[in-house]
C-alpha atoms as a PDB file:
ATOM      1  CA  MET A   1     -24.974  17.083   7.848  1.00  0.00           C
ATOM      2  CA  HIS A   2     -26.556  13.652   7.782  1.00  0.00           C
ATOM      3  CA  ILE A   3     -24.704  10.702   9.270  1.00  0.00           C
ATOM      4  CA  GLN A   4     -24.903   8.833   5.924  1.00  0.00           C
ATOM      5  CA  SER A   5     -23.132  11.696   4.189  1.00  0.00           C
ATOM      6  CA  ILE A   6     -20.395  11.743   6.808  1.00  0.00           C
ATOM      7  CA  ILE A   7     -19.898   7.987   6.533  1.00  0.00           C
ATOM      8  CA  SER A   8     -19.936   8.180   2.738  1.00  0.00           C
ATOM      9  CA  ASN A   9     -17.379  11.018   2.716  1.00  0.00           C
ATOM     10  CA  ASP A  10     -15.140   9.120   5.142  1.00  0.00           C
ATOM     11  CA  LEU A  11     -15.315   5.963   3.013  1.00  0.00           C
ATOM     12  CA  ASN A  12     -14.565   7.911  -0.164  1.00  0.00           C
ATOM     13  CA  ALA A  13     -11.571   9.598   1.479  1.00  0.00           C
ATOM     14  CA  GLU A  14     -10.290   6.256   2.789  1.00  0.00           C
ATOM     15  CA  GLN A  15     -10.682   4.693  -0.659  1.00  0.00           C
ATOM     16  CA  GLU A  16      -8.742   7.558  -2.249  1.00  0.00           C
ATOM     17  CA  VAL A  17      -5.875   7.126   0.233  1.00  0.00           C
ATOM     18  CA  PHE A  18      -5.823   3.359  -0.387  1.00  0.00           C
ATOM     19  CA  LEU A  19      -5.804   3.813  -4.168  1.00  0.00           C
ATOM     20  CA  ALA A  20      -2.983   6.357  -3.916  1.00  0.00           C
ATOM     21  CA  ALA A  21      -0.880   3.891  -1.890  1.00  0.00           C
ATOM     22  CA  LEU A  22      -1.724   1.095  -4.343  1.00  0.00           C
ATOM     23  CA  ASP A  23      -0.750   3.304  -7.298  1.00  0.00           C
ATOM     24  CA  THR A  24       2.559   4.065  -5.563  1.00  0.00           C
ATOM     25  CA  ALA A  25       3.205   0.357  -4.959  1.00  0.00           C
ATOM     26  CA  ASN A  26       2.448  -0.481  -8.605  1.00  0.00           C
ATOM     27  CA  ALA A  27       4.715   2.293  -9.883  1.00  0.00           C
ATOM     28  CA  ARG A  28       7.577   1.195  -7.602  1.00  0.00           C
ATOM     29  CA  ALA A  29       7.166  -2.454  -8.650  1.00  0.00           C
ATOM     30  CA  PHE A  30       8.412  -1.617 -12.150  1.00  0.00           C
ATOM     31  CA  HIS A  31      11.740  -0.403 -10.716  1.00  0.00           C
ATOM     32  CA  SER A  32      12.380  -2.873  -7.900  1.00  0.00           C
ATOM     33  CA  TYR A  33      13.362  -6.512  -7.520  1.00  0.00           C
ATOM     34  CA  PHE A  34      11.247  -6.686  -4.368  1.00  0.00           C
ATOM     35  CA  THR A  35       7.563  -7.002  -3.563  1.00  0.00           C
ATOM     36  CA  GLN A  36       5.773  -3.750  -2.770  1.00  0.00           C
ATOM     37  CA  TYR A  37       3.277  -3.773   0.083  1.00  0.00           C
ATOM     38  CA  VAL A  38       0.340  -1.565   0.972  1.00  0.00           C
ATOM     39  CA  LEU A  39      -0.001  -1.445   4.751  1.00  0.00           C
ATOM     40  CA  ALA A  40      -2.688  -0.048   7.009  1.00  0.00           C
ATOM     41  CA  ASP A  41      -1.247   2.919   8.903  1.00  0.00           C
ATOM     42  CA  GLU A  42      -2.804   4.688  11.895  1.00  0.00           C
ATOM     43  CA  ASP A  43      -1.579   8.127  10.850  1.00  0.00           C
ATOM     44  CA  ALA A  44      -1.717   8.058   7.049  1.00  0.00           C
ATOM     45  CA  GLY A  45      -4.471   5.494   6.477  1.00  0.00           C
ATOM     46  CA  TYR A  46      -2.398   3.405   4.056  1.00  0.00           C
ATOM     47  CA  ILE A  47       1.260   3.456   3.036  1.00  0.00           C
ATOM     48  CA  ALA A  48       3.333   1.693   0.396  1.00  0.00           C
ATOM     49  CA  ILE A  49       6.645   0.101   1.366  1.00  0.00           C
ATOM     50  CA  ASP A  50       9.348  -1.811  -0.513  1.00  0.00           C
ATOM     51  CA  GLU A  51      10.284  -5.193   0.926  1.00  0.00           C
ATOM     52  CA  GLY A  52      13.887  -4.444  -0.038  1.00  0.00           C
ATOM     53  CA  ASP A  53      14.014  -1.708   2.582  1.00  0.00           C
ATOM     54  CA  TYR A  54      13.233  -4.218   5.325  1.00  0.00           C
ATOM     55  CA  GLY A  55      14.487  -7.624   4.159  1.00  0.00           C
ATOM     56  CA  ALA A  56      11.871 -10.110   5.287  1.00  0.00           C
ATOM     57  CA  LEU A  57       9.083  -8.010   6.752  1.00  0.00           C
ATOM     58  CA  PRO A  58       8.852  -8.232  10.530  1.00  0.00           C
ATOM     59  CA  ALA A  59       5.681  -9.783  11.935  1.00  0.00           C
ATOM     60  CA  HIS A  60       4.319  -6.431  13.164  1.00  0.00           C
ATOM     61  CA  LEU A  61       4.435  -5.103   9.573  1.00  0.00           C
ATOM     62  CA  MET A  62       3.130  -8.314   7.973  1.00  0.00           C
ATOM     63  CA  ALA A  63       0.071  -8.093  10.216  1.00  0.00           C
ATOM     64  CA  ARG A  64      -0.767  -4.728   8.598  1.00  0.00           C
ATOM     65  CA  VAL A  65      -0.430  -5.853   4.940  1.00  0.00           C
ATOM     66  CA  ILE A  66      -3.545  -5.088   2.900  1.00  0.00           C
ATOM     67  CA  GLU A  67      -2.156  -5.721  -0.605  1.00  0.00           C
ATOM     68  CA  ALA A  68       1.050  -7.086  -2.130  1.00  0.00           C
ATOM     69  CA  VAL A  69       2.319  -6.083  -5.589  1.00  0.00           C
ATOM     70  CA  PRO A  70       5.009  -8.395  -6.979  1.00  0.00           C
ATOM     71  CA  SER A  71       8.149  -6.980  -8.551  1.00  0.00           C
ATOM     72  CA  ARG A  72       7.981  -6.393 -12.286  1.00  0.00           C
ATOM     73  CA  PHE A  73      11.649  -5.445 -12.633  1.00  0.00           C
ATOM     74  CA  SER A  74      13.761  -8.033 -14.378  1.00  0.00           C
ATOM     75  CA  ASP A  75      17.288  -7.958 -15.711  1.00  0.00           C
ATOM     76  CA  GLU A  76      16.644 -11.032 -17.863  1.00  0.00           C
ATOM     77  CA  PHE A  77      16.281 -10.309 -21.568  1.00  0.00           C
END
């Protein structure tokens, strides 16, 4: 296998994992009062977390934030 193909496959796989985490964050945002974050993760590649589970995110988590999705849940009519 050529090195370009390996790099390309790795990048495609990483992009798929990122998009899956971003999709999860967007879906959760509709049902939460809190910001959803996509974080870089050594084991999973990327993960989505809800700020409400942590309160203010600790510095070690904030340093790993790749994307933030604001809450879309509102109880105001």
